Every structure is written in C-alpha cells, then in structure tokens.
Amino acid sequence: MADHALNAGGIDQPHPNASLGTEPVRTIGREELRARLDRGEDVKLIMALNRWAFDAKHIPGSVHFDTPDELYAAVRPDDEVVVYCSNVDGLSSVALYRDLVQRGYRNERRYPGGRLDWEEAGLQREGEFATAGAAPAVLPPKAGR
C-alpha cells in the first residue's frame, strides 16, 4: 500500500504497475459521484469493462461501448466523463482515462473504487446479477437429482 498515492479520501491512485503513466489520475470519490448522479447532473459515466461485466452488474446510469469508435462517436471532448471498472488497480478504466487525456478530452475523471466499492457500500446496481448476493460456497444440488 505504501506504493499508492494517498489523498484525504484514502487510496485513489492505481498501483504503479497499473498506472500506465506517470501523471496522476484525476479522480472522483464515491460520495461525490453518488451525489452528482442523485442530482441528475450531466455526467457520462462509462464502465470500461467488457460487455459481459456490464450486463452482469453496473452502476445505474452507466453506459458501455463495445468499441473505441462507438465511444468517441458518442462522447465529446467537452463532456464531463467519469470512467470506472472493477477497483482501484483495474487497468481498463486507467487505460480509458489515459486515452481520453491523450485525445484532448478536458473533463475526465476516474472513480477508483469502481463497481466493487459501489457494491460494498450497499448502493444500487443494475444488470442481470445486480441483486445477487455472494455465491454460495457449495452450489445446492439441482432439483430431481
């Protein structure tokens, strides 16, 4: 943990091996993100994981793009963008954040806690498995066996 950069809210920078660059990543914390979403602010919340992960569970209001071309056709450089993936060391949201910066986007931030932090806080989720709890240690036998 000593390798992570700390701020007042705790660890918010990816591990050096997952940072994909030397410049700090601009971040947004869970409570600020939640408040902005609750107020209905115009924030493009992008889940940077694959389609399967998005369909399984995502933060309400999130969007997902299957290709970079789809994303850059839908998101303008002056849009307010928040990217996230699974957790603080997730490469997907770091890579997307770095690409947005490289392409000249001006209002990008990363939610470092990602879907896991959101879920652990007990906040609402959407998706096929959004209401599913932790998987049981042993699956029950199928009926009729």
Foldseek 3Di string as FASTA:
>chain_A
DVQFDADPVGGQAARPVQQVDDDTAAADEPVVVVVCVVVVHQEAEEEQDAPVVVQQKAAPPYDYDHDVVVVPVVDDLAHAYEYAYAAQSDNRRSVVSVVSVVVNRDHYHYHHGHPNVCVVVVHAIDHPNRPPDDDDPDDDDDPPD
